[in-house]
Amino acid sequence: MSLKDRLATATKEVIRWNILRYVYSAKEVGVLDRIITQVMVTCEFDVTLADIRGELHFLRGLGLVEIEAERDVSIWVAKITSDGTCVVEYAVPCPVGLSRPKQEW
């Protein structure tokens, strides 16, 4: 794997971790996909709404988030699952594909 590919993979894993943290922060209320996109862009990640939705699908596949989608207006709301909460709170090992920082305490 080239350095460019490794960097792209690492960036994607950091983006996934940040998305999971944002969804965790919203708790049971959930967070709009568009808000996640704006926050990530503000943090200088080069992402689009389609990128964020793809990563939300990945996190849903791991059972870490739930997605509620309104078809007519194409609004997605992401909510944390109990498994997602356990990952963010360091109660369980981190799944492959997320770049969770090492626990400091």
N, C-alpha and C. Protein backbone atom coordinates (compact mmCIF):
# COMPACT_ATOMS: atom_id res chain seq x y z
N MET A 1 0.85 -1.17 0.00
CA MET A 1 0.00 0.00 0.00
C MET A 1 0.90 1.24 0.00
N SER A 2 0.60 2.18 -0.87
CA SER A 2 1.42 3.37 -1.00
C SER A 2 1.16 4.32 0.18
N LEU A 3 2.04 5.27 0.33
CA LEU A 3 1.88 6.27 1.39
C LEU A 3 0.58 7.05 1.21
N LYS A 4 0.25 7.37 -0.02
CA LYS A 4 -0.99 8.10 -0.31
C LYS A 4 -2.21 7.30 0.11
N ASP A 5 -2.20 5.99 -0.18
CA ASP A 5 -3.32 5.12 0.21
C ASP A 5 -3.41 4.99 1.73
N ARG A 6 -2.28 4.87 2.39
CA ARG A 6 -2.27 4.76 3.86
C ARG A 6 -2.80 6.05 4.50
N LEU A 7 -2.41 7.18 3.94
CA LEU A 7 -2.89 8.46 4.45
C LEU A 7 -4.40 8.59 4.25
N ALA A 8 -4.89 8.18 3.09
CA ALA A 8 -6.34 8.23 2.82
C ALA A 8 -7.11 7.33 3.79
N THR A 9 -6.58 6.15 4.06
CA THR A 9 -7.22 5.22 5.00
C THR A 9 -7.23 5.80 6.40
N ALA A 10 -6.10 6.35 6.83
CA ALA A 10 -6.00 6.94 8.16
C ALA A 10 -6.96 8.12 8.31
N THR A 11 -7.07 8.94 7.28
CA THR A 11 -7.98 10.09 7.31
C THR A 11 -9.42 9.62 7.43
N LYS A 12 -9.77 8.60 6.67
CA LYS A 12 -11.13 8.05 6.71
C LYS A 12 -11.44 7.51 8.12
N GLU A 13 -10.50 6.86 8.74
CA GLU A 13 -10.71 6.31 10.09
C GLU A 13 -10.87 7.42 11.12
N VAL A 14 -10.15 8.52 10.96
CA VAL A 14 -10.30 9.67 11.86
C VAL A 14 -11.66 10.32 11.66
N ILE A 15 -12.08 10.45 10.41
CA ILE A 15 -13.40 11.01 10.11
C ILE A 15 -14.49 10.16 10.75
N ARG A 16 -14.38 8.86 10.64
CA ARG A 16 -15.40 7.96 11.25
C ARG A 16 -15.45 8.15 12.76
N TRP A 17 -14.27 8.23 13.39
CA TRP A 17 -14.23 8.42 14.84
C TRP A 17 -14.90 9.74 15.22
N ASN A 18 -14.59 10.80 14.49
CA ASN A 18 -15.19 12.10 14.80
C ASN A 18 -16.70 12.08 14.59
N ILE A 19 -17.16 11.45 13.53
CA ILE A 19 -18.61 11.33 13.31
C ILE A 19 -19.26 10.61 14.50
N LEU A 20 -18.66 9.51 14.93
CA LEU A 20 -19.22 8.76 16.06
C LEU A 20 -19.26 9.63 17.31
N ARG A 21 -18.24 10.43 17.55
CA ARG A 21 -18.23 11.33 18.71
C ARG A 21 -19.32 12.39 18.61
N TYR A 22 -19.53 12.94 17.41
CA TYR A 22 -20.58 13.95 17.24
C TYR A 22 -21.95 13.35 17.49
N VAL A 23 -22.17 12.15 16.96
CA VAL A 23 -23.46 11.49 17.15
C VAL A 23 -23.65 11.16 18.64
N TYR A 24 -22.59 10.72 19.30
CA TYR A 24 -22.63 10.43 20.74
C TYR A 24 -23.02 11.69 21.51
N SER A 25 -22.47 12.83 21.12
CA SER A 25 -22.76 14.09 21.81
C SER A 25 -24.23 14.47 21.72
N ALA A 26 -24.88 14.07 20.64
CA ALA A 26 -26.29 14.40 20.45
C ALA A 26 -27.21 13.47 21.23
N LYS A 27 -26.67 12.39 21.76
CA LYS A 27 -27.43 11.40 22.53
C LYS A 27 -28.68 10.95 21.78
N GLU A 28 -29.81 10.85 22.51
CA GLU A 28 -31.02 10.29 21.91
C GLU A 28 -31.71 11.25 20.94
N VAL A 29 -31.32 12.52 20.94
CA VAL A 29 -31.92 13.49 20.01
C VAL A 29 -31.46 13.21 18.59
N GLY A 30 -30.21 12.88 18.42
CA GLY A 30 -29.65 12.63 17.11
C GLY A 30 -29.10 13.90 16.48
N VAL A 31 -28.40 13.72 15.38
CA VAL A 31 -27.79 14.85 14.69
C VAL A 31 -28.00 14.69 13.18
N LEU A 32 -28.26 15.80 12.52
CA LEU A 32 -28.48 15.79 11.07
C LEU A 32 -27.17 15.55 10.33
N ASP A 33 -27.27 14.82 9.24
CA ASP A 33 -26.09 14.56 8.42
C ASP A 33 -25.47 15.85 7.89
N ARG A 34 -26.28 16.83 7.61
CA ARG A 34 -25.78 18.10 7.10
C ARG A 34 -24.99 18.86 8.16
N ILE A 35 -25.39 18.73 9.41
CA ILE A 35 -24.64 19.38 10.49
C ILE A 35 -23.28 18.70 10.65
N ILE A 36 -23.26 17.38 10.60
CA ILE A 36 -21.99 16.66 10.68
C ILE A 36 -21.07 17.12 9.55
N THR A 37 -21.61 17.24 8.35
CA THR A 37 -20.82 17.68 7.21
C THR A 37 -20.23 19.07 7.46
N GLN A 38 -21.06 20.00 7.93
CA GLN A 38 -20.58 21.36 8.18
C GLN A 38 -19.50 21.39 9.25
N VAL A 39 -19.67 20.61 10.30
CA VAL A 39 -18.65 20.56 11.35
C VAL A 39 -17.34 20.01 10.80
N MET A 40 -17.43 18.95 10.02
CA MET A 40 -16.21 18.36 9.46
C MET A 40 -15.51 19.32 8.51
N VAL A 41 -16.27 20.06 7.71
CA VAL A 41 -15.69 21.05 6.79
C VAL A 41 -15.04 22.18 7.60
N THR A 42 -15.71 22.60 8.66
CA THR A 42 -15.15 23.64 9.53
C THR A 42 -13.83 23.18 10.16
N CYS A 43 -13.74 21.90 10.43
CA CYS A 43 -12.50 21.32 10.99
C CYS A 43 -11.47 21.03 9.90
N GLU A 44 -11.75 21.50 8.69
CA GLU A 44 -10.85 21.42 7.54
C GLU A 44 -10.67 20.01 6.97
N PHE A 45 -11.70 19.18 7.12
CA PHE A 45 -11.72 17.90 6.41
C PHE A 45 -12.37 18.14 5.06
N ASP A 46 -11.82 17.54 4.04
CA ASP A 46 -12.35 17.69 2.68
C ASP A 46 -13.40 16.61 2.45
N VAL A 47 -14.64 16.89 2.91
CA VAL A 47 -15.72 15.91 2.81
C VAL A 47 -16.96 16.56 2.23
N THR A 48 -17.80 15.72 1.65
CA THR A 48 -19.09 16.15 1.12
C THR A 48 -20.20 15.45 1.91
N LEU A 49 -21.41 15.86 1.66
CA LEU A 49 -22.56 15.19 2.28
C LEU A 49 -22.58 13.71 1.90
N ALA A 50 -22.27 13.41 0.65
CA ALA A 50 -22.23 12.01 0.21
C ALA A 50 -21.16 11.22 0.97
N ASP A 51 -20.01 11.84 1.23
CA ASP A 51 -18.96 11.17 2.01
C ASP A 51 -19.45 10.84 3.42
N ILE A 52 -20.09 11.82 4.05
CA ILE A 52 -20.58 11.63 5.42
C ILE A 52 -21.65 10.54 5.44
N ARG A 53 -22.51 10.52 4.47
CA ARG A 53 -23.54 9.48 4.42
C ARG A 53 -22.91 8.10 4.23
N GLY A 54 -21.87 8.03 3.44
CA GLY A 54 -21.17 6.76 3.26
C GLY A 54 -20.56 6.27 4.56
N GLU A 55 -19.97 7.19 5.31
CA GLU A 55 -19.37 6.80 6.59
C GLU A 55 -20.44 6.46 7.63
N LEU A 56 -21.57 7.15 7.57
CA LEU A 56 -22.69 6.77 8.45
C LEU A 56 -23.18 5.36 8.13
N HIS A 57 -23.22 5.01 6.86
CA HIS A 57 -23.58 3.63 6.48
C HIS A 57 -22.58 2.64 7.06
N PHE A 58 -21.31 2.97 7.00
CA PHE A 58 -20.27 2.10 7.56
C PHE A 58 -20.50 1.91 9.06
N LEU A 59 -20.72 3.01 9.77
CA LEU A 59 -20.94 2.94 11.22
C LEU A 59 -22.22 2.19 11.55
N ARG A 60 -23.24 2.35 10.72
CA ARG A 60 -24.48 1.59 10.93
C ARG A 60 -24.22 0.10 10.74
N GLY A 61 -23.41 -0.24 9.75
CA GLY A 61 -23.07 -1.64 9.52
C GLY A 61 -22.36 -2.28 10.70
N LEU A 62 -21.63 -1.48 11.47
CA LEU A 62 -20.97 -1.97 12.68
C LEU A 62 -21.91 -1.98 13.88
N GLY A 63 -23.12 -1.44 13.70
CA GLY A 63 -24.09 -1.39 14.79
C GLY A 63 -23.84 -0.26 15.76
N LEU A 64 -23.08 0.77 15.35
CA LEU A 64 -22.72 1.85 16.26
C LEU A 64 -23.68 3.04 16.18
N VAL A 65 -24.36 3.19 15.05
CA VAL A 65 -25.34 4.27 14.89
C VAL A 65 -26.59 3.72 14.21
N GLU A 66 -27.69 4.44 14.41
CA GLU A 66 -28.92 4.19 13.67
C GLU A 66 -29.15 5.41 12.79
N ILE A 67 -29.76 5.20 11.64
CA ILE A 67 -30.04 6.30 10.73
C ILE A 67 -31.54 6.34 10.47
N GLU A 68 -32.12 7.51 10.71
CA GLU A 68 -33.52 7.74 10.36
C GLU A 68 -33.50 8.66 9.15
N ALA A 69 -34.10 8.24 8.06
CA ALA A 69 -34.08 9.03 6.84
C ALA A 69 -35.50 9.40 6.40
N GLU A 70 -35.66 10.63 6.03
CA GLU A 70 -36.91 11.11 5.45
C GLU A 70 -36.73 11.13 3.94
N ARG A 71 -37.42 10.27 3.24
CA ARG A 71 -37.23 10.16 1.79
C ARG A 71 -37.64 11.41 1.03
N ASP A 72 -38.75 12.00 1.42
CA ASP A 72 -39.26 13.14 0.66
C ASP A 72 -38.34 14.35 0.70
N VAL A 73 -37.68 14.57 1.80
CA VAL A 73 -36.83 15.76 1.93
C VAL A 73 -35.36 15.42 2.07
N SER A 74 -35.03 14.19 1.96
CA SER A 74 -33.67 13.65 2.05
C SER A 74 -32.88 14.19 3.24
N ILE A 75 -33.48 14.07 4.40
CA ILE A 75 -32.82 14.44 5.65
C ILE A 75 -32.50 13.16 6.41
N TRP A 76 -31.27 13.06 6.84
CA TRP A 76 -30.86 11.92 7.65
C TRP A 76 -30.56 12.39 9.07
N VAL A 77 -31.04 11.62 10.04
CA VAL A 77 -30.73 11.87 11.44
C VAL A 77 -30.00 10.63 11.96
N ALA A 78 -28.81 10.85 12.50
CA ALA A 78 -28.02 9.74 13.05
C ALA A 78 -28.15 9.75 14.57
N LYS A 79 -28.37 8.57 15.13
CA LYS A 79 -28.47 8.41 16.58
C LYS A 79 -27.51 7.32 17.04
N ILE A 80 -26.95 7.51 18.19
CA ILE A 80 -25.99 6.55 18.75
C ILE A 80 -26.74 5.32 19.27
N THR A 81 -26.13 4.18 19.13
CA THR A 81 -26.67 2.94 19.71
C THR A 81 -25.94 2.66 21.02
N SER A 82 -26.41 1.67 21.73
CA SER A 82 -25.72 1.31 22.97
C SER A 82 -24.30 0.81 22.67
N ASP A 83 -24.13 0.08 21.56
CA ASP A 83 -22.78 -0.36 21.18
C ASP A 83 -21.89 0.83 20.84
N GLY A 84 -22.45 1.82 20.16
CA GLY A 84 -21.69 3.03 19.83
C GLY A 84 -21.27 3.77 21.08
N THR A 85 -22.18 3.84 22.05
CA THR A 85 -21.85 4.49 23.32
C THR A 85 -20.71 3.77 24.01
N CYS A 86 -20.73 2.46 24.01
CA CYS A 86 -19.66 1.67 24.64
C CYS A 86 -18.31 1.92 23.97
N VAL A 87 -18.30 2.06 22.65
CA VAL A 87 -17.05 2.33 21.94
C VAL A 87 -16.51 3.71 22.32
N VAL A 88 -17.38 4.73 22.31
CA VAL A 88 -16.94 6.09 22.63
C VAL A 88 -16.48 6.18 24.08
N GLU A 89 -17.12 5.46 24.97
CA GLU A 89 -16.77 5.50 26.39
C GLU A 89 -15.65 4.52 26.76
N TYR A 90 -15.03 3.90 25.77
CA TYR A 90 -13.90 2.98 25.97
C TYR A 90 -14.28 1.77 26.82
N ALA A 91 -15.53 1.37 26.79
CA ALA A 91 -15.98 0.21 27.56
C ALA A 91 -15.72 -1.10 26.82
N VAL A 92 -15.52 -1.02 25.51
CA VAL A 92 -15.28 -2.20 24.68
C VAL A 92 -14.12 -1.88 23.72
N PRO A 93 -13.49 -2.91 23.17
CA PRO A 93 -12.45 -2.64 22.17
C PRO A 93 -13.01 -1.91 20.95
N CYS A 94 -12.17 -1.12 20.33
CA CYS A 94 -12.57 -0.36 19.16
C CYS A 94 -12.60 -1.26 17.93
N PRO A 95 -13.68 -1.21 17.15
CA PRO A 95 -13.73 -2.02 15.94
C PRO A 95 -12.71 -1.53 14.91
N VAL A 96 -12.34 -2.42 14.03
CA VAL A 96 -11.45 -2.07 12.92
C VAL A 96 -12.15 -1.04 12.05
N GLY A 97 -11.41 -0.05 11.60
CA GLY A 97 -11.96 0.96 10.71
C GLY A 97 -12.20 2.31 11.37
N LEU A 98 -11.95 2.39 12.67
CA LEU A 98 -12.06 3.65 13.39
C LEU A 98 -10.73 3.97 14.04
N SER A 99 -10.37 5.23 14.07
CA SER A 99 -9.13 5.64 14.69
C SER A 99 -9.42 6.29 16.03
N ARG A 100 -9.72 5.45 17.02
CA ARG A 100 -10.00 5.95 18.36
C ARG A 100 -8.68 6.21 19.07
N PRO A 101 -8.52 7.39 19.68
CA PRO A 101 -7.28 7.66 20.41
C PRO A 101 -7.11 6.69 21.59
N LYS A 102 -5.88 6.48 21.97
CA LYS A 102 -5.62 5.61 23.11
C LYS A 102 -6.18 6.24 24.38
N GLN A 103 -6.67 5.39 25.26
CA GLN A 103 -7.23 5.87 26.52
C GLN A 103 -6.12 6.41 27.38
N GLU A 104 -6.30 7.61 27.91
CA GLU A 104 -5.26 8.28 28.69
C GLU A 104 -5.37 8.06 30.20
N TRP A 105 -6.44 7.47 30.66
CA TRP A 105 -6.60 7.32 32.11
C TRP A 105 -6.55 5.90 32.53
